[in-house]
Protein backbone atom coordinates (compact mmCIF):
# COMPACT_ATOMS: atom_id res chain seq x y z
CA MET A 1 111.14 16.59 90.04
CA PRO A 2 109.12 19.55 88.87
CA GLU A 3 109.94 22.91 90.36
CA PRO A 4 107.21 24.10 92.74
CA ALA A 5 105.02 26.81 91.31
CA ARG A 6 106.02 30.25 92.43
CA THR A 7 103.37 32.48 93.81
CA THR A 8 103.66 36.10 92.86
CA ARG A 9 102.24 38.82 95.01
CA ARG A 10 100.93 41.80 93.13
CA ARG A 11 101.48 45.02 94.89
CA ASN A 12 98.97 47.70 94.20
CA ALA A 13 100.88 50.63 92.81
CA ALA A 14 100.22 53.86 94.62
CA PRO A 15 98.34 56.42 92.55
CA PRO A 16 100.33 59.42 91.35
CA ARG A 17 100.82 62.15 93.93
CA GLU A 18 98.76 64.57 91.84
CA THR A 19 95.81 62.17 91.87
CA VAL A 20 95.81 62.09 95.68
CA LEU A 21 96.15 65.87 95.97
CA ALA A 22 93.43 66.52 93.39
CA ALA A 23 91.13 64.13 95.24
CA ALA A 24 91.86 65.92 98.52
CA MET A 25 91.02 69.29 96.95
CA GLU A 26 87.82 67.94 95.42
CA ASN A 27 86.84 66.47 98.80
CA ILE A 28 87.34 69.85 100.47
CA ALA A 29 85.30 71.57 97.74
CA GLN A 30 82.44 69.08 98.05
CA HIS A 31 82.29 68.38 101.77
CA GLY A 32 84.47 70.94 103.57
CA LEU A 33 87.82 70.55 105.25
CA GLU A 34 86.32 69.21 108.47
CA LYS A 35 84.99 66.12 106.63
CA LEU A 36 88.34 65.22 105.05
CA THR A 37 89.88 62.19 106.74
CA MET A 38 92.87 60.09 105.78
CA ALA A 39 90.71 56.94 105.82
CA GLY A 40 88.05 58.48 103.59
CA LEU A 41 90.57 59.90 101.15
CA GLY A 42 92.41 56.58 101.10
CA ARG A 43 89.24 54.72 100.14
CA GLU A 44 88.63 57.20 97.33
CA VAL A 45 92.07 56.75 95.77
CA GLY A 46 92.47 53.05 96.57
CA MET A 47 94.98 53.37 99.40
CA SER A 48 94.86 52.64 103.10
CA SER A 49 95.19 55.51 105.56
CA GLY A 50 98.47 53.93 106.66
CA HIS A 51 99.71 54.00 103.07
CA LEU A 52 98.81 57.70 102.83
CA LEU A 53 100.65 58.41 106.06
CA TYR A 54 103.68 56.58 104.69
CA TYR A 55 103.85 59.07 101.83
CA PHE A 56 102.69 62.24 103.60
CA ARG A 57 103.61 61.51 107.26
CA THR A 58 100.80 63.66 108.73
CA LYS A 59 97.47 65.10 107.67
CA ASP A 60 98.97 68.58 108.00
CA GLU A 61 101.67 67.67 105.47
CA LEU A 62 99.02 66.30 103.10
CA LEU A 63 97.09 69.57 103.40
CA LEU A 64 100.21 71.67 102.84
CA GLN A 65 101.17 69.66 99.75
CA THR A 66 97.59 69.99 98.48
CA LEU A 67 97.81 73.76 98.88
CA GLU A 68 101.20 73.84 97.12
CA TRP A 69 99.79 71.75 94.27
CA SER A 70 96.81 74.11 93.96
CA GLU A 71 99.22 77.07 93.97
CA GLU A 72 101.17 75.49 91.11
CA GLN A 73 97.98 75.55 89.02
CA LEU A 74 97.20 79.13 90.03
CA GLY A 75 100.79 80.19 89.47
CA ALA A 76 100.70 78.89 85.90
CA GLN A 77 97.46 80.78 85.26
CA ARG A 78 98.91 83.93 86.81
CA ARG A 79 102.09 83.81 84.74
CA SER A 80 100.04 83.30 81.59
CA ALA A 81 97.73 86.21 82.44
CA LEU A 82 100.59 88.57 83.28
CA ALA A 83 102.50 87.69 80.11
CA ARG A 84 99.69 88.85 77.80
CA GLN A 85 100.37 91.82 75.57
CA VAL A 86 97.57 93.97 76.97
CA PRO A 87 97.51 97.14 79.12
CA VAL A 88 98.95 96.79 82.61
CA ARG A 89 95.64 97.66 84.24
CA GLU A 90 93.95 94.79 82.42
CA ARG A 91 96.64 92.41 83.66
CA LEU A 92 96.23 93.82 87.17
CA ASP A 93 92.52 93.03 87.00
CA SER A 94 93.40 89.46 85.95
CA TYR A 95 95.80 89.17 88.90
CA ILE A 96 93.06 90.33 91.28
CA ASP A 97 90.51 87.96 89.74
CA LEU A 98 92.87 85.02 90.34
CA TYR A 99 93.70 86.18 93.87
CA VAL A 100 90.21 86.74 95.26
CA ALA A 101 88.29 83.72 96.57
CA ASP A 102 85.78 82.22 94.13
CA GLY A 103 83.00 82.12 96.68
CA PRO A 104 81.94 80.63 100.03
CA ARG A 105 84.01 77.58 100.98
CA ASP A 106 86.46 78.13 98.12
CA PRO A 107 88.66 75.04 98.71
CA HIS A 108 91.92 76.86 98.00
CA TRP A 109 91.12 79.64 100.45
CA THR A 110 89.70 77.18 102.99
CA LEU A 111 93.04 75.38 102.96
CA TRP A 112 95.03 78.62 103.01
CA LEU A 113 93.19 79.99 106.07
CA GLU A 114 93.37 76.69 107.94
CA LEU A 115 97.08 76.24 107.38
CA TRP A 116 97.97 79.78 108.43
CA ASN A 117 95.79 79.28 111.49
CA ARG A 118 97.88 76.21 112.36
CA ALA A 119 101.19 77.87 111.43
CA HIS A 120 102.13 78.73 115.03
CA GLY A 121 102.19 75.03 115.87
CA VAL A 122 104.13 73.69 112.88
CA ASP A 123 107.83 73.54 112.11
CA GLU A 124 109.80 76.35 110.56
CA ASP A 125 110.06 74.56 107.21
CA SER A 126 106.25 74.47 106.88
CA ARG A 127 105.96 78.15 107.76
CA ASN A 128 108.63 78.98 105.19
CA ARG A 129 106.74 77.04 102.54
CA LEU A 130 103.63 79.08 103.28
CA LEU A 131 105.70 82.25 103.12
CA ASP A 132 107.13 81.20 99.73
CA ILE A 133 103.58 81.12 98.37
CA GLU A 134 102.94 84.63 99.71
CA LEU A 135 106.17 85.95 98.22
CA SER A 136 105.48 84.58 94.74
CA TRP A 137 102.24 86.60 94.58
CA HIS A 138 103.99 89.63 96.06
CA ARG A 139 106.88 89.63 93.59
CA ASP A 140 104.56 89.39 90.59
CA LEU A 141 102.45 92.29 91.86
CA VAL A 142 105.51 94.47 92.53
CA ALA A 143 106.81 93.80 89.00
CA LEU A 144 103.42 94.70 87.52
CA LEU A 145 103.24 97.97 89.46
CA VAL A 146 106.76 98.92 88.41
CA GLU A 147 105.97 98.17 84.77
CA GLY A 148 102.73 100.14 84.93
CA ALA A 149 104.51 103.19 86.32
CA SER A 150 107.37 102.95 83.79
CA ARG A 151 104.86 102.87 80.93
CA GLY A 152 102.89 105.76 82.34
CA GLU A 153 99.80 103.55 82.68
CA LEU A 154 99.68 103.65 86.49
CA ARG A 155 100.58 106.31 89.00
CA ALA A 156 104.10 105.88 90.36
CA VAL A 157 104.10 104.48 93.90
CA ASP A 158 106.49 102.67 96.22
CA ALA A 159 105.71 99.33 94.58
CA ASP A 160 106.77 97.11 97.50
CA ARG A 161 104.78 99.08 100.10
CA TYR A 162 101.75 99.41 97.86
CA ALA A 163 101.80 95.69 97.02
CA THR A 164 101.90 94.84 100.74
CA ARG A 165 98.87 97.05 101.37
CA ILE A 166 96.81 95.94 98.39
CA ARG A 167 97.42 92.27 99.20
CA ALA A 168 96.22 92.90 102.75
CA LEU A 169 93.05 94.34 101.21
CA LEU A 170 92.69 91.32 98.92
CA ASP A 171 93.30 88.93 101.82
CA GLY A 172 90.64 90.63 103.94
CA PHE A 173 88.02 90.65 101.21
CA SER A 174 88.85 87.06 100.19
CA THR A 175 88.46 85.87 103.77
CA HIS A 176 85.00 87.45 103.87
CA VAL A 177 84.05 85.89 100.53
CA ALA A 178 85.32 82.44 101.57
CA MET A 179 83.40 82.67 104.85
CA GLY A 180 80.25 83.79 103.05
CA LEU A 181 79.81 86.88 105.20
CA PRO A 182 76.80 89.07 104.33
CA GLY A 183 77.67 91.85 101.89
CA SER A 184 80.66 89.90 100.61
CA ASP A 185 79.35 88.74 97.26
CA ARG A 186 82.33 88.25 94.95
CA SER A 187 81.09 90.70 92.33
CA GLN A 188 80.63 93.37 95.02
CA VAL A 189 84.10 92.71 96.36
CA LEU A 190 85.71 92.99 92.92
CA ALA A 191 83.86 96.29 92.38
CA HIS A 192 85.18 97.66 95.70
CA ILE A 193 88.72 96.63 94.81
CA GLY A 194 88.43 98.12 91.32
CA GLU A 195 87.28 101.44 92.77
CA PHE A 196 90.21 101.46 95.19
CA ILE A 197 92.68 100.76 92.37
CA ASP A 198 91.19 103.60 90.33
CA GLU A 199 91.43 106.01 93.27
CA THR A 200 95.00 105.13 94.22
CA LEU A 201 96.68 104.26 90.91
CA GLY A 202 94.57 106.07 88.30
């Protein structure tokens, strides 16, 4: 008696995590954060919203992982820029260029602002992950300021205190750029920051 034919069920393999996160970032860039839904993103990457929730648990976790993924790309660019064998001030300008929002509705900054706005209502682990992103930028800036002073290229300052203040300035300007506030054209903002650096570190 012949053996009954076996039916095989093909399971659709989930796309790589990076594919989902890149699609989420592209969605935010094209349509804004408010238009991003789990169902819509799922359709785009060939997954159900339930499947996405299985991997990410909540939309907030998806957004946080998307920000972390974006930061990985920026971090690699920052490390490459800061490792160049050029004057410290030139590397500082590169750091600032990477830090400041690209323009209105910059998807990275849109995510960043939204997640910090929600931070009071999330768990401590999520807040710590946001803080880790902050600290990575801070440490690199402190190291650059210390190097600049040791080489005599920048005025000696309390690097940790100065880095805290300059990042607050960059955060404020970037928020204005990302929101598209009048008078906050990116080129104008970079000029303001450059003048401040010249006045305080020159």
